[in-house]
């Protein structure tokens, strides 16, 4: 049942590949490079945080960075990678010959999506400190996921699985940091 639904959604989304050159350029950027822009944004915020005048703003920037970093490691390395080896699911371009694969990708396991896992872990971590920036990053994470499906390197359920694992990694990291007394409580955030 899930495979039939996955294939139907994949077929619809992937049908957008190769339709408009401008759309293809946006999809390629989103599928390959947008995650790096998200990481650079969090790093820039953490570095600029050292120059904030208010101590609580400096602390907020530092803790946001550490929550994003620990969330990423827990979600991608501790949870997603072992699950990926266990499930050992082929990528769409391995299962079928795709007429319009937008990006080249190495053969390997597709579930869960590593890009989606990292993107959603970072978005959830930032959301814990900055709601508006977090929502923006959730939108970017969703765009990354959809772009990777349209590009032909992931199934839709790979993205959903990665999103769930990414948010779970942020929640686990947040609970661990809170337990250690390092979590900046929401009522102090803006």
Protein backbone atom coordinates (compact mmCIF):
# COMPACT_ATOMS: atom_id res chain seq x y z
CA UNK A 1 0.00 0.00 0.00
CA UNK A 2 2.69 2.51 1.00
CA UNK A 3 4.75 1.69 -2.10
CA UNK A 4 1.82 2.32 -4.44
CA UNK A 5 1.09 5.67 -2.80
CA UNK A 6 4.82 6.51 -2.77
CA UNK A 7 5.12 5.73 -6.47
CA UNK A 8 2.01 7.72 -7.36
CA UNK A 9 3.22 10.82 -5.47
CA UNK A 10 6.72 10.38 -6.88
CA UNK A 11 5.38 10.12 -10.43
CA UNK A 12 3.35 13.31 -10.02
CA UNK A 13 6.16 15.34 -8.45
CA UNK A 14 8.85 14.01 -10.77
CA UNK A 15 6.69 14.93 -13.77
CA UNK A 16 7.64 18.57 -13.05
CA UNK A 17 11.32 17.85 -13.80
CA UNK A 18 12.39 19.22 -17.16
CA UNK A 19 9.21 21.24 -17.73
CA UNK A 20 10.64 24.76 -17.25
CA UNK A 21 14.37 25.56 -17.30
CA UNK A 22 14.00 28.21 -14.56
CA UNK A 23 12.10 25.78 -12.34
CA UNK A 24 14.80 23.17 -12.93
CA UNK A 25 17.49 25.65 -11.84
CA UNK A 26 15.57 26.44 -8.63
CA UNK A 27 15.01 22.73 -7.96
CA UNK A 28 18.66 21.87 -8.53
CA UNK A 29 19.78 24.68 -6.21
CA UNK A 30 17.26 23.60 -3.56
CA UNK A 31 18.06 19.89 -3.85
CA UNK A 32 21.83 20.33 -3.68
CA UNK A 33 22.82 23.69 -2.13
CA UNK A 34 19.98 25.04 0.04
CA UNK A 35 20.98 22.82 2.97
CA UNK A 36 24.44 24.41 2.93
CA UNK A 37 22.83 27.86 2.99
CA UNK A 38 20.83 26.82 6.06
CA UNK A 39 23.99 25.61 7.80
CA UNK A 40 25.83 28.82 6.85
CA UNK A 41 22.95 30.88 8.23
CA UNK A 42 23.07 29.15 11.62
CA UNK A 43 26.87 29.46 11.75
CA UNK A 44 26.68 33.15 10.83
CA UNK A 45 24.09 33.75 13.55
CA UNK A 46 26.30 31.98 16.10
CA UNK A 47 29.39 33.97 15.10
CA UNK A 48 27.53 37.29 15.04
CA UNK A 49 26.06 36.38 18.43
CA UNK A 50 29.43 37.08 20.03
CA UNK A 51 29.02 40.72 19.03
CA UNK A 52 25.54 41.18 20.52
CA UNK A 53 25.49 43.67 23.39
CA UNK A 54 22.96 41.91 25.55
CA UNK A 55 24.24 38.83 27.37
CA UNK A 56 20.94 36.95 26.89
CA UNK A 57 21.14 37.51 23.10
CA UNK A 58 24.72 36.16 23.04
CA UNK A 59 23.62 33.17 25.09
CA UNK A 60 20.62 32.60 22.83
CA UNK A 61 22.83 32.59 19.69
CA UNK A 62 25.30 30.19 21.29
CA UNK A 63 22.66 27.78 22.54
CA UNK A 64 20.76 27.88 19.24
CA UNK A 65 23.95 26.84 17.47
CA UNK A 66 24.63 24.01 19.94
CA UNK A 67 21.07 22.74 19.72
CA UNK A 68 21.27 22.75 15.91
CA UNK A 69 24.64 20.96 15.98
CA UNK A 70 23.62 18.27 18.49
CA UNK A 71 20.25 17.82 16.77
CA UNK A 72 22.01 17.27 13.46
CA UNK A 73 24.38 14.68 14.88
CA UNK A 74 21.69 12.78 16.77
CA UNK A 75 19.25 12.81 13.87
CA UNK A 76 21.66 12.09 11.00
CA UNK A 77 24.40 9.97 12.56
CA UNK A 78 22.75 8.23 15.49
CA UNK A 79 19.25 7.62 14.10
CA UNK A 80 19.13 8.00 10.30
CA UNK A 81 22.34 6.28 9.27
CA UNK A 82 21.72 2.97 11.11
CA UNK A 83 18.10 3.02 9.88
CA UNK A 84 19.34 3.60 6.34
CA UNK A 85 21.54 0.49 6.54
CA UNK A 86 18.72 -1.54 8.07
CA UNK A 87 16.07 -0.57 5.49
CA UNK A 88 18.47 -0.61 2.49
CA UNK A 89 15.93 0.92 0.11
CA UNK A 90 16.95 1.69 -3.48
CA UNK A 91 16.71 5.20 -4.87
CA UNK A 92 14.12 5.95 -7.57
CA UNK A 93 16.74 6.19 -10.32
CA UNK A 94 18.00 2.74 -9.30
CA UNK A 95 14.52 1.23 -9.40
CA UNK A 96 13.53 2.80 -12.73
CA UNK A 97 15.18 4.50 -15.64
CA UNK A 98 14.06 8.07 -15.17
CA UNK A 99 13.55 10.22 -18.25
CA UNK A 100 14.50 13.46 -16.46
CA UNK A 101 16.87 13.01 -13.53
CA UNK A 102 17.92 16.55 -12.59
CA UNK A 103 20.97 15.79 -10.43
CA UNK A 104 23.56 13.06 -10.44
CA UNK A 105 23.74 11.04 -7.26
CA UNK A 106 25.70 8.04 -6.11
CA UNK A 107 23.92 4.74 -5.81
CA UNK A 108 22.99 4.03 -2.20
CA UNK A 109 20.23 3.69 0.33
CA UNK A 110 17.50 6.30 0.17
CA UNK A 111 15.44 5.89 3.36
CA UNK A 112 15.51 8.19 5.24
CA UNK A 113 16.74 11.19 3.30
CA UNK A 114 19.91 12.54 4.89
CA UNK A 115 19.27 16.01 3.46
CA UNK A 116 15.73 16.10 4.86
CA UNK A 117 16.93 14.75 8.21
CA UNK A 118 19.54 17.49 8.58
CA UNK A 119 17.33 20.27 7.24
CA UNK A 120 14.43 19.48 9.56
CA UNK A 121 16.75 18.99 12.56
CA UNK A 122 18.23 22.45 11.97
CA UNK A 123 14.80 24.03 11.41
CA UNK A 124 13.38 22.51 14.59
CA UNK A 125 16.42 23.60 16.61
CA UNK A 126 16.18 27.18 15.36
CA UNK A 127 12.41 27.17 15.94
CA UNK A 128 13.07 26.47 19.63
CA UNK A 129 14.74 29.90 19.89
CA UNK A 130 13.30 31.94 17.03
CA UNK A 131 9.81 31.09 15.83
CA UNK A 132 9.84 33.20 12.65
CA UNK A 133 13.32 32.09 11.57
CA UNK A 134 12.38 28.50 12.43
CA UNK A 135 9.26 28.66 10.27
CA UNK A 136 11.34 30.07 7.41
CA UNK A 137 13.79 27.19 7.80
CA UNK A 138 10.95 24.65 7.94
CA UNK A 139 9.82 26.07 4.60
CA UNK A 140 13.37 25.71 3.24
CA UNK A 141 13.55 22.14 4.59
CA UNK A 142 10.27 21.31 2.86
CA UNK A 143 11.57 22.82 -0.39
CA UNK A 144 14.73 20.72 -0.09
CA UNK A 145 12.66 17.58 0.37
CA UNK A 146 10.27 18.24 -2.49
CA UNK A 147 13.16 19.22 -4.76
CA UNK A 148 14.98 15.96 -4.06
CA UNK A 149 11.86 14.00 -5.01
CA UNK A 150 11.34 16.01 -8.21
CA UNK A 151 15.06 15.62 -9.00
CA UNK A 152 14.63 11.84 -8.85
CA UNK A 153 16.92 10.92 -5.95
CA UNK A 154 14.33 10.24 -3.21
CA UNK A 155 10.89 8.77 -2.70
CA UNK A 156 8.33 10.96 -0.89
CA UNK A 157 8.39 8.64 2.15
CA UNK A 158 12.18 9.15 2.37
CA UNK A 159 11.51 12.85 2.92
CA UNK A 160 8.69 12.29 5.42
CA UNK A 161 10.87 9.83 7.35
CA UNK A 162 13.78 12.28 7.34
CA UNK A 163 11.53 15.11 8.54
CA UNK A 164 10.22 13.03 11.45
CA UNK A 165 13.72 11.91 12.42
CA UNK A 166 15.08 15.46 12.15
CA UNK A 167 12.39 16.90 14.42
CA UNK A 168 12.81 13.97 16.82
CA UNK A 169 16.57 14.58 16.91
CA UNK A 170 15.96 18.22 17.84
CA UNK A 171 13.48 17.21 20.53
CA UNK A 172 15.91 14.65 22.01
CA UNK A 173 18.75 17.19 21.93
CA UNK A 174 16.55 19.86 23.49
CA UNK A 175 15.52 17.53 26.30
CA UNK A 176 19.16 16.58 26.96
CA UNK A 177 20.28 20.22 27.00
CA UNK A 178 17.36 21.21 29.21
CA UNK A 179 18.22 18.41 31.64
CA UNK A 180 21.81 19.70 31.81
CA UNK A 181 20.51 23.24 32.43
CA UNK A 182 21.75 24.58 29.08
CA UNK A 183 18.43 25.09 27.33
CA UNK A 184 17.28 28.69 26.94
CA UNK A 185 13.61 28.58 27.89
CA UNK A 186 11.07 29.84 25.38
CA UNK A 187 9.56 32.42 27.73
CA UNK A 188 12.86 34.32 27.50
CA UNK A 189 13.06 34.13 23.72
CA UNK A 190 11.59 36.48 21.14
